[in-house]
Amino acid sequence: MYIDLKKTMETIERCLPENEAATLPSLQQAYRHTIRLQSQLLSVIYDMETFGTHTERDPPPLAKQLSAGGNAGHAVTLTIQEPLPAMKYLSESVEEHWKAMIHSAIADAAALGPLPYFAKAFVEIEIITPKGANNSRVWDTSNRAINVIINNLKGIFFRDDDMGHMAFSVVGRWGEEGVTIIRVSDFDK
């Protein structure tokens, strides 16, 4: 796959002129191109990790670097070193990236002992977001890609994501770096 990352970066740069104040339309356009750049970067990284030649000096896959899992036997904590994207619908490459990070964290938790399975689970999703200029007005919990998390937990920790088998909460707070922490435990405890 050939993707010209520099072309996309140049397009973003053109949206933000050096000697002029940024306008709302130019910032919105830069944002759309930034999302495209993220998808392109993930596609290139995935292709290199999957189809490239590997050496012992290569870092582990990006999903492994950005995820960790803990297992207390009665509850599991999955930590993703990125804030959950602020959009309900993800590009295919971003969704695959999140699936890989979630499953890598689950594998870490499973390495610590048997994973718990709940008749009814409670999933707590905590999203820590770096605070930028004036973004407190636009942070909206319901505009996060919650389904990518829930859909990748069902069948592993609980049977289905209906109200008989799971409930969830989403909390957010500001932090220095973006992180998503997912805790899965028994609903009744």
C-alpha atoms as a PDB file:
ATOM      1  CA  MET A   1       0.000   0.000   0.000  1.00  0.00           C
ATOM      2  CA  TYR A   2       1.333   3.404  -0.908  1.00  0.00           C
ATOM      3  CA  ILE A   3       0.086   6.342   1.152  1.00  0.00           C
ATOM      4  CA  ASP A   4       1.698   9.768   0.854  1.00  0.00           C
ATOM      5  CA  LEU A   5       1.725  10.939   4.484  1.00  0.00           C
ATOM      6  CA  LYS A   6       3.647  14.093   3.634  1.00  0.00           C
ATOM      7  CA  LYS A   7       0.935  15.169   1.205  1.00  0.00           C
ATOM      8  CA  THR A   8      -1.676  14.986   3.968  1.00  0.00           C
ATOM      9  CA  MET A   9       0.594  16.861   6.393  1.00  0.00           C
ATOM     10  CA  GLU A  10       1.150  19.564   3.780  1.00  0.00           C
ATOM     11  CA  THR A  11      -2.612  19.831   3.314  1.00  0.00           C
ATOM     12  CA  ILE A  12      -3.031  20.333   7.079  1.00  0.00           C
ATOM     13  CA  GLU A  13      -0.275  22.930   7.079  1.00  0.00           C
ATOM     14  CA  ARG A  14      -2.006  24.868   4.283  1.00  0.00           C
ATOM     15  CA  CYS A  15      -5.117  25.066   6.477  1.00  0.00           C
ATOM     16  CA  LEU A  16      -3.083  26.823   9.174  1.00  0.00           C
ATOM     17  CA  PRO A  17      -1.296  29.738   7.498  1.00  0.00           C
ATOM     18  CA  GLU A  18       1.824  30.912   9.300  1.00  0.00           C
ATOM     19  CA  ASN A  19       1.275  34.667   9.260  1.00  0.00           C
ATOM     20  CA  GLU A  20      -2.511  34.751   9.591  1.00  0.00           C
ATOM     21  CA  ALA A  21      -4.974  33.995  12.344  1.00  0.00           C
ATOM     22  CA  ALA A  22      -6.748  30.688  11.895  1.00  0.00           C
ATOM     23  CA  THR A  23     -10.407  30.895  10.982  1.00  0.00           C
ATOM     24  CA  LEU A  24     -13.110  28.535  12.147  1.00  0.00           C
ATOM     25  CA  PRO A  25     -13.531  26.998   8.653  1.00  0.00           C
ATOM     26  CA  SER A  26      -9.757  26.512   8.285  1.00  0.00           C
ATOM     27  CA  LEU A  27      -9.542  24.846  11.713  1.00  0.00           C
ATOM     28  CA  GLN A  28     -12.454  22.560  10.873  1.00  0.00           C
ATOM     29  CA  GLN A  29     -10.808  21.601   7.611  1.00  0.00           C
ATOM     30  CA  ALA A  30      -7.482  20.972   9.396  1.00  0.00           C
ATOM     31  CA  TYR A  31      -9.299  18.743  11.881  1.00  0.00           C
ATOM     32  CA  ARG A  32     -10.866  16.642   9.111  1.00  0.00           C
ATOM     33  CA  HIS A  33      -7.453  16.197   7.506  1.00  0.00           C
ATOM     34  CA  THR A  34      -5.919  15.310  10.885  1.00  0.00           C
ATOM     35  CA  ILE A  35      -8.424  12.469  11.256  1.00  0.00           C
ATOM     36  CA  ARG A  36      -7.453  11.326   7.755  1.00  0.00           C
ATOM     37  CA  LEU A  37      -3.757  11.476   8.703  1.00  0.00           C
ATOM     38  CA  GLN A  38      -4.389   9.332  11.772  1.00  0.00           C
ATOM     39  CA  SER A  39      -6.135   6.709   9.637  1.00  0.00           C
ATOM     40  CA  GLN A  40      -3.337   6.788   7.085  1.00  0.00           C
ATOM     41  CA  LEU A  41      -0.634   6.432   9.750  1.00  0.00           C
ATOM     42  CA  LEU A  42      -2.420   3.479  11.316  1.00  0.00           C
ATOM     43  CA  SER A  43      -2.785   1.818   7.904  1.00  0.00           C
ATOM     44  CA  VAL A  44       0.916   2.222   7.154  1.00  0.00           C
ATOM     45  CA  ILE A  45       1.932   0.972  10.625  1.00  0.00           C
ATOM     46  CA  TYR A  46      -0.407  -2.028  10.370  1.00  0.00           C
ATOM     47  CA  ASP A  47       0.933  -2.946   6.923  1.00  0.00           C
ATOM     48  CA  MET A  48       4.550  -2.713   8.121  1.00  0.00           C
ATOM     49  CA  GLU A  49       3.788  -4.753  11.272  1.00  0.00           C
ATOM     50  CA  THR A  50       1.838  -7.377   9.327  1.00  0.00           C
ATOM     51  CA  PHE A  51       3.641  -7.634   5.999  1.00  0.00           C
ATOM     52  CA  GLY A  52       7.036  -6.022   6.565  1.00  0.00           C
ATOM     53  CA  THR A  53      10.250  -7.776   7.439  1.00  0.00           C
ATOM     54  CA  HIS A  54      10.863  -7.852  11.169  1.00  0.00           C
ATOM     55  CA  THR A  55      14.056  -7.818  13.163  1.00  0.00           C
ATOM     56  CA  GLU A  56      14.614  -8.443  16.852  1.00  0.00           C
ATOM     57  CA  ARG A  57      15.308  -4.731  17.281  1.00  0.00           C
ATOM     58  CA  ASP A  58      11.856  -3.740  16.019  1.00  0.00           C
ATOM     59  CA  PRO A  59       9.494  -2.489  18.716  1.00  0.00           C
ATOM     60  CA  PRO A  60       6.470  -4.613  19.605  1.00  0.00           C
ATOM     61  CA  PRO A  61       3.259  -3.892  17.676  1.00  0.00           C
ATOM     62  CA  LEU A  62       1.774  -0.476  18.414  1.00  0.00           C
ATOM     63  CA  ALA A  63      -1.364  -2.013  19.954  1.00  0.00           C
ATOM     64  CA  LYS A  64       0.821  -3.897  22.445  1.00  0.00           C
ATOM     65  CA  GLN A  65       2.778  -0.746  23.308  1.00  0.00           C
ATOM     66  CA  LEU A  66      -0.391   1.235  24.013  1.00  0.00           C
ATOM     67  CA  SER A  67      -2.337  -1.301  26.085  1.00  0.00           C
ATOM     68  CA  ALA A  68      -2.115  -3.224  29.339  1.00  0.00           C
ATOM     69  CA  GLY A  69      -4.426  -5.516  31.252  1.00  0.00           C
ATOM     70  CA  GLY A  70      -4.818  -6.375  34.917  1.00  0.00           C
ATOM     71  CA  ASN A  71      -6.739  -9.272  36.398  1.00  0.00           C
ATOM     72  CA  ALA A  72      -7.777  -9.443  40.045  1.00  0.00           C
ATOM     73  CA  GLY A  73      -9.797 -12.636  39.468  1.00  0.00           C
ATOM     74  CA  HIS A  74     -13.103 -10.955  40.298  1.00  0.00           C
ATOM     75  CA  ALA A  75     -12.544  -7.942  38.027  1.00  0.00           C
ATOM     76  CA  VAL A  76     -10.436  -6.933  35.050  1.00  0.00           C
ATOM     77  CA  THR A  77      -8.881  -3.553  34.260  1.00  0.00           C
ATOM     78  CA  LEU A  78      -7.855  -2.729  30.697  1.00  0.00           C
ATOM     79  CA  THR A  79      -5.780   0.394  30.112  1.00  0.00           C
ATOM     80  CA  ILE A  80      -5.455   1.978  26.684  1.00  0.00           C
ATOM     81  CA  GLN A  81      -2.933   4.811  26.376  1.00  0.00           C
ATOM     82  CA  GLU A  82      -5.242   6.883  24.164  1.00  0.00           C
ATOM     83  CA  PRO A  83      -8.470   8.707  24.907  1.00  0.00           C
ATOM     84  CA  LEU A  84     -11.462   7.056  23.291  1.00  0.00           C
ATOM     85  CA  PRO A  85     -12.063   8.928  20.029  1.00  0.00           C
ATOM     86  CA  ALA A  86     -14.541  11.782  20.202  1.00  0.00           C
ATOM     87  CA  MET A  87     -16.759  10.429  17.469  1.00  0.00           C
ATOM     88  CA  LYS A  88     -19.359   7.707  17.296  1.00  0.00           C
ATOM     89  CA  TYR A  89     -18.271   6.358  13.930  1.00  0.00           C
ATOM     90  CA  LEU A  90     -14.636   5.450  13.391  1.00  0.00           C
ATOM     91  CA  SER A  91     -12.682   4.994  10.205  1.00  0.00           C
ATOM     92  CA  GLU A  92     -11.927   1.343   9.557  1.00  0.00           C
ATOM     93  CA  SER A  93      -8.237   1.707  10.440  1.00  0.00           C
ATOM     94  CA  VAL A  94      -8.969   3.527  13.731  1.00  0.00           C
ATOM     95  CA  GLU A  95     -11.581   0.922  14.657  1.00  0.00           C
ATOM     96  CA  GLU A  96      -9.121  -1.919  13.901  1.00  0.00           C
ATOM     97  CA  HIS A  97      -6.487  -0.110  15.980  1.00  0.00           C
ATOM     98  CA  TRP A  98      -8.864   0.062  18.948  1.00  0.00           C
ATOM     99  CA  LYS A  99      -9.866  -3.582  18.554  1.00  0.00           C
ATOM    100  CA  ALA A 100      -6.192  -4.578  18.538  1.00  0.00           C
ATOM    101  CA  MET A 101      -5.439  -2.518  21.660  1.00  0.00           C
ATOM    102  CA  ILE A 102      -8.461  -3.918  23.531  1.00  0.00           C
ATOM    103  CA  HIS A 103      -7.600  -7.513  22.623  1.00  0.00           C
ATOM    104  CA  SER A 104      -3.942  -6.975  23.510  1.00  0.00           C
ATOM    105  CA  ALA A 105      -4.993  -5.694  26.954  1.00  0.00           C
ATOM    106  CA  ILE A 106      -7.359  -8.677  27.366  1.00  0.00           C
ATOM    107  CA  ALA A 107      -4.463 -11.027  26.491  1.00  0.00           C
ATOM    108  CA  ASP A 108      -2.352  -9.337  29.189  1.00  0.00           C
ATOM    109  CA  ALA A 109      -5.162  -9.863  31.712  1.00  0.00           C
ATOM    110  CA  ALA A 110      -5.583 -13.511  30.657  1.00  0.00           C
ATOM    111  CA  ALA A 111      -1.859 -14.113  31.158  1.00  0.00           C
ATOM    112  CA  LEU A 112      -2.365 -13.242  34.847  1.00  0.00           C
ATOM    113  CA  GLY A 113      -5.034 -15.887  35.411  1.00  0.00           C
ATOM    114  CA  PRO A 114      -8.405 -17.104  34.166  1.00  0.00           C
ATOM    115  CA  LEU A 115     -10.622 -14.288  32.938  1.00  0.00           C
ATOM    116  CA  PRO A 116     -13.833 -13.844  34.915  1.00  0.00           C
ATOM    117  CA  TYR A 117     -17.125 -14.369  33.114  1.00  0.00           C
ATOM    118  CA  PHE A 118     -20.193 -12.618  34.482  1.00  0.00           C
ATOM    119  CA  ALA A 119     -23.889 -13.489  34.265  1.00  0.00           C
ATOM    120  CA  LYS A 120     -24.361  -9.712  34.376  1.00  0.00           C
ATOM    121  CA  ALA A 121     -21.327  -7.454  34.070  1.00  0.00           C
ATOM    122  CA  PHE A 122     -20.752  -3.835  34.928  1.00  0.00           C
ATOM    123  CA  VAL A 123     -18.400  -2.042  32.526  1.00  0.00           C
ATOM    124  CA  GLU A 124     -16.961   1.270  33.692  1.00  0.00           C
ATOM    125  CA  ILE A 125     -15.269   3.325  31.001  1.00  0.00           C
ATOM    126  CA  GLU A 126     -13.126   6.220  32.217  1.00  0.00           C
ATOM    127  CA  ILE A 127     -11.837   8.570  29.542  1.00  0.00           C
ATOM    128  CA  ILE A 128      -9.021  10.909  30.503  1.00  0.00           C
ATOM    129  CA  THR A 129      -8.559  13.622  27.896  1.00  0.00           C
ATOM    130  CA  PRO A 130      -5.791  16.208  27.616  1.00  0.00           C
ATOM    131  CA  LYS A 131      -7.320  19.637  27.936  1.00  0.00           C
ATOM    132  CA  GLY A 132      -6.801  21.923  24.992  1.00  0.00           C
ATOM    133  CA  ALA A 133      -7.908  25.442  24.276  1.00  0.00           C
ATOM    134  CA  ASN A 134     -11.624  25.763  24.943  1.00  0.00           C
ATOM    135  CA  ASN A 135     -12.441  22.116  24.338  1.00  0.00           C
ATOM    136  CA  SER A 136     -14.466  21.790  27.538  1.00  0.00           C
ATOM    137  CA  ARG A 137     -17.442  23.108  25.549  1.00  0.00           C
ATOM    138  CA  VAL A 138     -17.322  20.222  23.070  1.00  0.00           C
ATOM    139  CA  TRP A 139     -16.493  17.208  25.259  1.00  0.00           C
ATOM    140  CA  ASP A 140     -19.629  15.151  25.181  1.00  0.00           C
ATOM    141  CA  THR A 141     -19.682  11.689  26.733  1.00  0.00           C
ATOM    142  CA  SER A 142     -22.340  10.387  24.359  1.00  0.00           C
ATOM    143  CA  ASN A 143     -20.254  11.373  21.324  1.00  0.00           C
ATOM    144  CA  ARG A 144     -17.544   8.830  22.095  1.00  0.00           C
ATOM    145  CA  ALA A 145     -17.038   5.546  20.252  1.00  0.00           C
ATOM    146  CA  ILE A 146     -18.362   3.457  23.145  1.00  0.00           C
ATOM    147  CA  ASN A 147     -19.507   0.575  20.897  1.00  0.00           C
ATOM    148  CA  VAL A 148     -15.950  -0.339  19.895  1.00  0.00           C
ATOM    149  CA  ILE A 149     -15.304  -1.157  23.567  1.00  0.00           C
ATOM    150  CA  ILE A 150     -18.586  -2.878  24.430  1.00  0.00           C
ATOM    151  CA  ASN A 151     -18.644  -4.991  21.250  1.00  0.00           C
ATOM    152  CA  ASN A 152     -15.118  -6.265  21.915  1.00  0.00           C
ATOM    153  CA  LEU A 153     -15.880  -7.273  25.513  1.00  0.00           C
ATOM    154  CA  LYS A 154     -19.078  -9.237  24.864  1.00  0.00           C
ATOM    155  CA  GLY A 155     -18.585 -12.937  24.468  1.00  0.00           C
ATOM    156  CA  ILE A 156     -15.416 -12.701  26.572  1.00  0.00           C
ATOM    157  CA  PHE A 157     -16.676 -11.263  29.877  1.00  0.00           C
ATOM    158  CA  PHE A 158     -20.466 -11.480  29.395  1.00  0.00           C
ATOM    159  CA  ARG A 159     -22.861 -13.117  26.942  1.00  0.00           C
ATOM    160  CA  ASP A 160     -24.418 -10.097  25.242  1.00  0.00           C
ATOM    161  CA  ASP A 161     -24.644  -6.339  25.548  1.00  0.00           C
ATOM    162  CA  ASP A 162     -28.351  -6.302  26.346  1.00  0.00           C
ATOM    163  CA  MET A 163     -29.696  -5.060  29.693  1.00  0.00           C
ATOM    164  CA  GLY A 164     -29.968  -8.593  31.044  1.00  0.00           C
ATOM    165  CA  HIS A 165     -26.235  -9.237  30.697  1.00  0.00           C
ATOM    166  CA  MET A 166     -24.453  -5.932  31.169  1.00  0.00           C
ATOM    167  CA  ALA A 167     -24.644  -2.312  32.177  1.00  0.00           C
ATOM    168  CA  PHE A 168     -22.059   0.388  31.654  1.00  0.00           C
ATOM    169  CA  SER A 169     -21.057   3.865  32.684  1.00  0.00           C
ATOM    170  CA  VAL A 170     -18.871   6.444  31.039  1.00  0.00           C
ATOM    171  CA  VAL A 171     -17.025   9.051  33.050  1.00  0.00           C
ATOM    172  CA  GLY A 172     -14.590  11.615  31.803  1.00  0.00           C
ATOM    173  CA  ARG A 173     -12.014  13.916  33.286  1.00  0.00           C
ATOM    174  CA  TRP A 174      -9.143  16.119  32.178  1.00  0.00           C
ATOM    175  CA  GLY A 175      -5.572  14.905  32.494  1.00  0.00           C
ATOM    176  CA  GLU A 176      -2.090  15.566  31.228  1.00  0.00           C
ATOM    177  CA  GLU A 177      -2.218  12.680  28.749  1.00  0.00           C
ATOM    178  CA  GLY A 178      -5.064  10.814  27.122  1.00  0.00           C
ATOM    179  CA  VAL A 179      -5.935   7.395  28.567  1.00  0.00           C
ATOM    180  CA  THR A 180      -8.980   5.127  28.508  1.00  0.00           C
ATOM    181  CA  ILE A 181      -9.462   2.806  31.482  1.00  0.00           C
ATOM    182  CA  ILE A 182     -12.002  -0.006  31.202  1.00  0.00           C
ATOM    183  CA  ARG A 183     -13.035  -1.896  34.325  1.00  0.00           C
ATOM    184  CA  VAL A 184     -15.198  -5.021  34.044  1.00  0.00           C
ATOM    185  CA  SER A 185     -16.726  -6.485  37.181  1.00  0.00           C
ATOM    186  CA  ASP A 186     -19.803  -8.262  38.499  1.00  0.00           C
ATOM    187  CA  PHE A 187     -22.883  -6.025  38.274  1.00  0.00           C
ATOM    188  CA  ASP A 188     -24.173  -7.188  41.661  1.00  0.00           C
ATOM    189  CA  LYS A 189     -20.916  -6.451  43.467  1.00  0.00           C
END
